[in-house]
Structure formats: C-alpha cells, structure tokens
Amino acid sequence: MIATAFWCSADARSLFPRDRLSPTQLDRLVHFSSLDTDKHPDGEVRILPADAAESHHCSVTDEALLIQTVNLGARNAQDRALLEIAMTADAVRSMCPRARLTLVMPYIPYLRQDRRHPAGTALGSAVVGRLLRASGIDRIVTVDPHFQQAEAALGVPTMMLDPAPSLAQRVFRAASSLNEPTEGWVVVAPDAGAAKRAERFLDALNVTVTEAMAAADGSVASFWRKPIELTVGRKERLPGRTAQVTHLVLPEGLRGKGVIIVDDILDTGGTITSAAAAAWAGGSVRGATIAAVTHPLCSPGAREAMPAEMPVIALDTVVPCERIATLELVPAWALLSRAF
C-alpha cells in the first residue's frame, strides 16, 4: 500500500476536505497538513508547515500530494501560486526525502501561452514547465488544460481530468428548470479549438439524459427526448495585444433551440457573451441559454458583461476574481480525488 501525505495551501483547503476521504484513502494517509505563509514586512513570503512537530511521519511517505489553487482575488495571484508551489516542493522534499511529489493543481496558469505569436513572445507554458521540473515535481494532476499538448509543454507526466461528466450532470438539472425550448437543445463550441471539449460534454450529457430517462417515471422534460446537436462557431478578436472577442458567427439552425455554451475558461466573459448574442440572433430561446465552463476566472468586467439571466455552471477549480450572480460552482472534489 502506498503511504500518502497531503500538503494543502491555504487557498486549496476546500479542494481536499479530510472528512470526505474514503476509507481506502484514509488507510493510506500518514500525514495531512496545511502550509502556512509567513510574510516579511517587505512582502517576501516564507513557507512552513502548520504542524512541524508532526512532520516526522513523512519520512515513511511514498507519495506527497501538494494541493494548490489560484485565488484570483489576490494581487499577482498566478505568480504567487506558482512561487508557493516551488517553495512548498522544497519544504516537503526536506521532510519526505523518498516521496514522489505530485502536484494537484486544477488550473495551471500560463498554459494559454502556447505559441510564439508574434515572433519573440515568451512561451509561458514552457517557462512554467521548467519551473515545476526544477522544483522537483514528479507528477501533475490538473483539470481540462487549455490545450491537450500540455503534458509535452510542461515536461512532467500529467493526468488531465475531464470535467464533462461533472458539468453535464449539473447542467442537466439546471436546464430542466428553464424555459422549454420547443426544438430541443444544442451544444455550442465557440470555435474550432473548443470543438473536442464540446464533443466530450455532449457525450457526457447524452449519458446523463439516458440514465435519467431510464430511472424516471416520465417526469423528464419532453425536450430531452429530442436529439441534442453540436455546432461550432468562429470568433474574431480585436487586433493587437487584446484577447477580447468582437464578433462570433454560428451556423444556422438554432431557431427554437436551447443553447449550452461550452468552454474551458470564463475570463472577461467576451467569448461567452458573444456566443450567446450570436445564438439569440439566430433565433435560439433566450431564456434557455446556459454556459458550462471549467475554470471561472471571472476577471474584472466579467460580472457586468455576462447576461443577467444566463446561468453559468463551473467547477471550483479557482477562487474567482469577481462573483457573478448567476455563477454556480460545482465541487471538483470527486474529480480530483482520482489523483490518489
């Protein structure tokens, strides 16, 4: 049996609640601790275990899980989270010298920086990979990274968890309480890069619907009996350095349908709002529109940009910068617990 130790950052304590560990996981657990951050007057941080007196148990640990998230309400949140990982790895390695270090971080910053465009641009994803390797991280567990080649960019064996089943189950419940779309539902990928993600979500949603219909006594809404379709949009962005979406085009055939917009990140809300506007312009049902996203960053301005009537279903992979009134966070616990 693999002996396991947990080390949680202050922001990540809710991701792995100890009282929800299974009996098998508890049998493997030799140490469960949080890490304290001590700040010097100039802002420099120091990482130290909350209960250093008990850390001797880690000498028999086979695997140490470093659990980290990003609190986007804090200043320089992404940079601070990465520095904390490097310092935590050093601290844990000194206490668990023989352990495999596994980083459990559902959202890894800078993975959107996967191309040198224009020429000379820093490749942020590769830089983060070098930092994690130099820190001694042996394995990474993350959720739905921005691009599927993330493992190659990071240079560390990476388990990439699929959020589709978790999101699909909650979207099914939310959609069933909205205005009835007479022509059924369509899953929308905002662009070609999101198409595979939308396909996985569609597969998971079909499984959820099938299971609900098999278990129910006719109480499942009739619109779920129509085939759920998939459509892929095309988006255009402002030239220059901004990532703001200015226009999004969707294929025809949305009239009378409910729309589920699937994407990995809700940042400023530009992509989601543009997709919703394009769907409504195409005749979809405004009161039957849902966004399903993995990482709710919710940067400044997102709260004002998002339509007030549109539910947003997301995993709690980060602490959002802003709180959107219609945002519902789905616990990522069940997904992340597969890490060990």
Protein backbone atom coordinates (compact mmCIF):
# COMPACT_ATOMS: atom_id res chain seq x y z
CA MET A 1 0.00 0.00 0.00
CA ILE A 2 1.28 3.47 -0.93
CA ALA A 3 1.66 5.76 2.09
CA THR A 4 0.42 9.24 1.20
CA ALA A 5 0.89 12.68 2.71
CA PHE A 6 -1.17 15.78 1.89
CA TRP A 7 0.08 19.32 1.94
CA CYS A 8 -2.54 21.98 1.21
CA SER A 9 -2.02 25.65 0.53
CA ALA A 10 -4.32 27.97 2.46
CA ASP A 11 -6.40 28.67 -0.66
CA ALA A 12 -6.76 24.98 -1.55
CA ARG A 13 -8.03 23.54 1.74
CA SER A 14 -11.58 23.19 0.41
CA LEU A 15 -10.43 21.11 -2.58
CA PHE A 16 -9.49 18.09 -0.46
CA PRO A 17 -11.66 18.11 2.70
CA ARG A 18 -10.29 15.48 5.03
CA ASP A 19 -13.74 14.42 6.21
CA ARG A 20 -14.59 13.32 2.66
CA LEU A 21 -11.66 10.95 2.19
CA SER A 22 -12.72 7.38 1.52
CA PRO A 23 -11.75 4.54 3.93
CA THR A 24 -9.16 3.33 1.42
CA GLN A 25 -7.66 6.80 1.16
CA LEU A 26 -7.61 7.19 4.93
CA ASP A 27 -5.79 3.87 5.26
CA ARG A 28 -3.03 5.24 3.05
CA LEU A 29 -2.86 8.60 4.79
CA VAL A 30 0.16 9.14 7.05
CA HIS A 31 0.05 12.92 7.24
CA PHE A 32 -2.44 15.67 6.43
CA SER A 33 -1.31 19.22 6.88
CA SER A 34 -1.75 22.74 5.64
CA LEU A 35 1.12 25.06 4.91
CA ASP A 36 1.36 28.48 6.47
CA THR A 37 2.63 31.54 4.66
CA ASP A 38 4.66 33.91 6.78
CA LYS A 39 5.23 37.34 5.26
CA HIS A 40 8.16 39.63 5.88
CA PRO A 41 7.43 43.36 6.14
CA ASP A 42 8.57 43.85 2.53
CA GLY A 43 6.08 41.24 1.26
CA GLU A 44 8.54 38.36 0.87
CA VAL A 45 6.93 35.06 1.81
CA ARG A 46 8.17 32.08 3.77
CA ILE A 47 6.53 28.64 3.54
CA LEU A 48 6.44 26.46 6.65
CA PRO A 49 4.31 23.51 7.82
CA ALA A 50 1.43 24.32 10.16
CA ASP A 51 2.42 21.43 12.46
CA ALA A 52 6.14 20.91 12.01
CA ALA A 53 6.26 18.74 15.14
CA GLU A 54 4.23 16.03 13.39
CA SER A 55 6.12 16.15 10.10
CA HIS A 56 8.42 13.28 11.12
CA HIS A 57 5.68 10.92 9.90
CA CYS A 58 6.59 11.96 6.37
CA SER A 59 9.84 10.04 6.48
CA VAL A 60 7.86 6.90 5.53
CA THR A 61 5.81 8.61 2.82
CA ASP A 62 5.81 7.12 -0.68
CA GLU A 63 3.86 9.95 -2.28
CA ALA A 64 3.35 13.55 -1.21
CA LEU A 65 0.45 15.45 -2.76
CA LEU A 66 0.93 19.20 -2.98
CA ILE A 67 -2.51 20.74 -3.38
CA GLN A 68 -2.69 24.25 -4.79
CA THR A 69 -5.26 26.54 -6.34
CA VAL A 70 -5.29 30.14 -7.54
CA ASN A 71 -7.10 32.82 -5.56
CA LEU A 72 -7.73 35.36 -8.29
CA GLY A 73 -8.96 37.89 -5.76
CA ALA A 74 -5.40 38.31 -4.52
CA ARG A 75 -2.76 40.51 -6.09
CA ASN A 76 -0.46 38.74 -8.58
CA ALA A 77 -2.39 35.55 -7.84
CA GLN A 78 -1.00 33.35 -10.62
CA ASP A 79 2.60 34.28 -9.93
CA ARG A 80 2.20 33.85 -6.19
CA ALA A 81 0.61 30.41 -6.61
CA LEU A 82 3.49 29.18 -8.76
CA LEU A 83 6.13 30.52 -6.37
CA GLU A 84 4.31 28.86 -3.46
CA ILE A 85 4.47 25.55 -5.33
CA ALA A 86 8.22 25.81 -5.82
CA MET A 87 8.80 26.71 -2.17
CA THR A 88 6.35 24.07 -0.93
CA ALA A 89 8.10 21.40 -3.00
CA ASP A 90 11.38 22.36 -1.39
CA ALA A 91 9.86 22.25 2.11
CA VAL A 92 8.13 18.91 1.59
CA ARG A 93 11.16 17.34 -0.07
CA SER A 94 13.19 18.14 3.05
CA MET A 95 10.62 16.29 5.19
CA CYS A 96 9.72 13.50 2.73
CA PRO A 97 13.05 12.73 1.02
CA ARG A 98 11.93 9.48 -0.60
CA ALA A 99 8.44 10.55 -1.69
CA ARG A 100 7.18 11.11 -5.20
CA LEU A 101 5.96 14.73 -5.36
CA THR A 102 2.58 15.04 -7.07
CA LEU A 103 1.21 18.50 -7.74
CA VAL A 104 -2.60 18.61 -7.68
CA MET A 105 -3.49 21.94 -9.29
CA PRO A 106 -6.80 22.00 -11.18
CA TYR A 107 -5.99 25.25 -13.00
CA ILE A 108 -2.40 25.89 -14.07
CA PRO A 109 -1.71 29.49 -15.12
CA TYR A 110 0.07 30.45 -18.34
CA LEU A 111 -0.97 27.38 -20.34
CA ARG A 112 -2.79 29.68 -22.74
CA GLN A 113 0.63 30.98 -23.77
CA ASP A 114 1.39 28.02 -26.02
CA ARG A 115 2.58 29.82 -29.18
CA ARG A 116 5.23 32.41 -30.03
CA HIS A 117 2.91 34.90 -31.70
CA PRO A 118 4.23 37.33 -32.68
CA ALA A 119 7.81 36.10 -33.01
CA GLY A 120 9.86 36.75 -29.89
CA THR A 121 6.93 36.30 -27.49
CA ALA A 122 7.79 34.39 -24.30
CA LEU A 123 6.38 30.87 -24.25
CA GLY A 124 4.73 31.00 -20.84
CA SER A 125 3.64 27.35 -20.78
CA ALA A 126 7.21 26.15 -21.33
CA VAL A 127 8.55 28.54 -18.66
CA VAL A 128 6.07 27.15 -16.12
CA GLY A 129 7.12 23.62 -17.06
CA ARG A 130 10.79 24.43 -16.42
CA LEU A 131 9.91 25.95 -13.05
CA LEU A 132 7.95 22.88 -11.95
CA ARG A 133 10.64 20.46 -13.12
CA ALA A 134 13.34 22.47 -11.37
CA SER A 135 11.20 22.41 -8.22
CA GLY A 136 11.28 18.61 -8.21
CA ILE A 137 7.67 17.96 -9.18
CA ASP A 138 7.42 14.34 -10.37
CA ARG A 139 3.77 14.23 -11.47
CA ILE A 140 0.95 16.71 -12.14
CA VAL A 141 -2.81 16.30 -11.79
CA THR A 142 -4.85 19.04 -13.43
CA VAL A 143 -8.30 19.61 -14.94
CA ASP A 144 -9.01 20.40 -18.58
CA PRO A 145 -5.84 22.32 -19.52
CA HIS A 146 -6.20 24.89 -22.29
CA PHE A 147 -4.52 22.66 -24.87
CA GLN A 148 -4.20 18.89 -24.98
CA GLN A 149 -0.43 19.03 -25.52
CA ALA A 150 0.02 20.44 -22.01
CA GLU A 151 1.98 17.41 -20.85
CA ALA A 152 4.57 17.92 -23.57
CA ALA A 153 4.82 21.64 -22.78
CA LEU A 154 5.22 21.05 -19.05
CA GLY A 155 7.66 18.17 -19.49
CA VAL A 156 6.20 16.31 -16.49
CA PRO A 157 3.89 13.25 -16.52
CA THR A 158 0.43 14.80 -16.30
CA MET A 159 -3.00 13.39 -15.51
CA MET A 160 -5.56 15.59 -17.29
CA LEU A 161 -9.00 15.11 -15.76
CA ASP A 162 -12.14 15.59 -17.85
CA PRO A 163 -14.78 17.84 -16.21
CA ALA A 164 -17.51 16.91 -18.72
CA PRO A 165 -19.41 14.35 -16.57
CA SER A 166 -19.47 16.64 -13.52
CA LEU A 167 -20.62 19.64 -15.56
CA ALA A 168 -23.15 17.66 -17.61
CA GLN A 169 -24.98 16.35 -14.55
CA ARG A 170 -25.42 19.84 -13.11
CA VAL A 171 -26.31 21.39 -16.48
CA PHE A 172 -29.00 18.74 -16.96
CA ARG A 173 -30.64 19.75 -13.69
CA ALA A 174 -30.33 23.48 -14.42
CA ALA A 175 -31.65 23.16 -17.99
CA SER A 176 -34.68 21.19 -16.86
CA SER A 177 -35.90 24.20 -14.84
CA LEU A 178 -35.55 26.78 -17.64
CA ASN A 179 -37.96 27.88 -20.35
CA GLU A 180 -38.80 24.95 -22.59
CA PRO A 181 -37.06 25.09 -25.97
CA THR A 182 -39.56 23.69 -28.44
CA GLU A 183 -36.84 22.34 -30.74
CA GLY A 184 -34.57 20.75 -28.13
CA TRP A 185 -31.00 21.66 -27.18
CA VAL A 186 -27.74 22.36 -28.99
CA VAL A 187 -24.24 22.35 -27.51
CA VAL A 188 -22.15 25.26 -28.82
CA ALA A 189 -18.36 25.29 -29.11
CA PRO A 190 -17.32 28.94 -29.59
CA ASP A 191 -14.55 27.98 -32.01
CA ALA A 192 -12.74 25.01 -33.52
CA GLY A 193 -10.33 24.87 -30.58
CA ALA A 194 -13.23 24.10 -28.24
CA ALA A 195 -14.85 21.50 -30.51
CA LYS A 196 -13.33 18.40 -28.89
CA ARG A 197 -14.22 19.71 -25.43
CA ALA A 198 -17.81 20.30 -26.57
CA GLU A 199 -17.97 16.80 -28.07
CA ARG A 200 -16.90 15.27 -24.75
CA PHE A 201 -19.51 17.36 -22.94
CA LEU A 202 -22.18 16.28 -25.43
CA ASP A 203 -21.30 12.62 -24.89
CA ALA A 204 -21.50 13.09 -21.11
CA LEU A 205 -24.81 14.95 -21.38
CA ASN A 206 -26.30 12.19 -23.53
CA VAL A 207 -25.27 9.63 -20.90
CA THR A 208 -26.85 11.76 -18.16
CA VAL A 209 -30.10 12.16 -20.12
CA THR A 210 -30.27 8.44 -20.93
CA GLU A 211 -29.75 7.47 -17.29
CA ALA A 212 -32.36 9.98 -16.12
CA MET A 213 -34.93 8.74 -18.60
CA ALA A 214 -34.30 5.13 -17.64
CA ALA A 215 -34.68 5.90 -13.94
CA ALA A 216 -37.62 8.30 -14.17
CA ASP A 217 -41.34 7.61 -14.43
CA GLY A 218 -41.99 10.02 -17.28
CA SER A 219 -41.05 13.11 -15.28
CA VAL A 220 -38.07 14.01 -17.51
CA ALA A 221 -38.87 17.10 -19.58
CA SER A 222 -40.03 16.28 -23.08
CA PHE A 223 -37.41 18.44 -24.75
CA TRP A 224 -34.72 15.98 -23.62
CA ARG A 225 -36.30 13.37 -25.90
CA LYS A 226 -35.10 15.28 -28.95
CA PRO A 227 -31.53 14.59 -30.18
CA ILE A 228 -29.00 17.05 -28.73
CA GLU A 229 -27.00 18.67 -31.50
CA LEU A 230 -23.50 20.15 -31.67
CA THR A 231 -22.44 23.29 -33.51
CA VAL A 232 -19.07 25.02 -33.77
CA GLY A 233 -18.67 28.78 -34.08
CA ARG A 234 -15.98 31.06 -35.44
CA LYS A 235 -14.77 34.02 -33.41
CA GLU A 236 -12.84 37.12 -34.30
CA ARG A 237 -10.73 39.17 -31.88
CA LEU A 238 -9.52 42.73 -31.75
CA PRO A 239 -6.11 43.16 -33.40
CA GLY A 240 -3.04 43.76 -31.27
CA ARG A 241 -2.47 42.57 -27.73
CA THR A 242 -6.04 42.25 -26.50
CA ALA A 243 -7.85 38.93 -26.24
CA GLN A 244 -11.31 40.47 -26.43
CA VAL A 245 -13.75 38.79 -28.77
CA THR A 246 -15.54 41.28 -31.03
CA HIS A 247 -17.64 39.01 -33.20
CA LEU A 248 -18.71 35.38 -33.20
CA VAL A 249 -20.52 33.61 -36.01
CA LEU A 250 -22.62 30.48 -35.53
CA PRO A 251 -24.13 28.22 -38.20
CA GLU A 252 -27.84 28.48 -38.94
CA GLY A 253 -30.43 26.14 -37.48
CA LEU A 254 -30.74 27.44 -33.91
CA ARG A 255 -34.32 28.75 -34.07
CA GLY A 256 -36.41 27.48 -31.18
CA LYS A 257 -33.49 25.65 -29.55
CA GLY A 258 -31.95 25.94 -26.13
CA VAL A 259 -28.21 26.60 -26.13
CA ILE A 260 -25.43 25.26 -23.90
CA ILE A 261 -22.16 27.14 -24.49
CA VAL A 262 -19.12 25.05 -23.52
CA ASP A 263 -15.64 26.49 -22.97
CA ASP A 264 -12.67 25.89 -20.70
CA ILE A 265 -12.22 29.41 -19.27
CA LEU A 266 -14.53 32.25 -18.33
CA ASP A 267 -12.16 35.21 -18.20
CA THR A 268 -13.65 38.57 -19.22
CA GLY A 269 -16.83 36.94 -20.50
CA GLY A 270 -16.22 38.07 -24.08
CA THR A 271 -16.40 34.64 -25.67
CA ILE A 272 -19.47 33.50 -23.72
CA THR A 273 -21.44 36.71 -24.28
CA SER A 274 -20.56 36.79 -27.99
CA ALA A 275 -21.67 33.18 -28.39
CA ALA A 276 -24.94 33.91 -26.58
CA ALA A 277 -25.60 37.01 -28.70
CA ALA A 278 -24.93 35.06 -31.91
CA ALA A 279 -27.26 32.27 -30.78
CA TRP A 280 -30.06 34.70 -29.91
CA ALA A 281 -29.61 36.48 -33.23
CA GLY A 282 -30.08 33.06 -34.85
CA GLY A 283 -33.41 32.56 -33.11
CA SER A 284 -32.44 30.42 -30.09
CA VAL A 285 -34.51 30.69 -26.90
CA ARG A 286 -33.05 33.48 -24.76
CA GLY A 287 -34.48 32.02 -21.56
CA ALA A 288 -32.90 28.63 -22.27
CA THR A 289 -29.22 29.55 -22.51
CA ILE A 290 -26.56 28.10 -20.20
CA ALA A 291 -22.78 28.46 -20.03
CA ALA A 292 -20.75 25.45 -18.90
CA VAL A 293 -17.11 26.28 -18.19
CA THR A 294 -14.30 24.54 -16.36
CA HIS A 295 -12.35 27.44 -14.86
CA PRO A 296 -14.34 30.51 -13.67
CA LEU A 297 -11.57 33.13 -13.54
CA CYS A 298 -14.15 35.95 -13.76
CA SER A 299 -11.67 38.78 -14.32
CA PRO A 300 -12.71 42.41 -13.70
CA GLY A 301 -15.55 43.32 -16.05
CA ALA A 302 -16.94 39.80 -16.38
CA ARG A 303 -19.72 40.48 -13.89
CA GLU A 304 -21.00 43.41 -15.96
CA ALA A 305 -20.51 41.61 -19.29
CA MET A 306 -22.38 38.40 -18.54
CA PRO A 307 -26.13 38.37 -19.30
CA ALA A 308 -28.05 38.57 -16.03
CA GLU A 309 -30.48 35.81 -16.99
CA MET A 310 -27.91 33.21 -18.10
CA PRO A 311 -26.88 30.51 -15.59
CA VAL A 312 -23.15 29.75 -15.50
CA ILE A 313 -22.13 26.29 -14.30
CA ALA A 314 -18.42 25.87 -13.44
CA LEU A 315 -16.10 23.77 -11.30
CA ASP A 316 -14.50 25.36 -8.23
CA THR A 317 -11.01 24.95 -9.71
CA VAL A 318 -10.08 28.53 -8.75
CA VAL A 319 -11.28 31.25 -6.40
CA PRO A 320 -12.90 33.68 -8.89
CA CYS A 321 -11.76 37.29 -9.06
CA GLU A 322 -15.35 38.52 -9.17
CA ARG A 323 -18.55 36.83 -8.09
CA ILE A 324 -21.17 36.62 -10.84
CA ALA A 325 -24.73 36.43 -9.54
CA THR A 326 -25.71 33.52 -11.79
CA LEU A 327 -22.48 31.55 -11.22
CA GLU A 328 -22.92 28.13 -9.62
CA LEU A 329 -19.78 26.30 -8.55
CA VAL A 330 -19.70 22.51 -8.74
CA PRO A 331 -17.25 20.93 -6.26
CA ALA A 332 -14.24 19.44 -8.02
CA TRP A 333 -13.60 17.06 -5.12
CA ALA A 334 -14.95 13.90 -6.77
CA LEU A 335 -12.86 14.57 -9.85
CA LEU A 336 -9.64 15.45 -8.04
CA SER A 337 -9.86 12.53 -5.63
CA ARG A 338 -8.88 10.28 -8.54
CA ALA A 339 -5.37 11.64 -8.10
CA PHE A 340 -4.52 9.05 -5.46
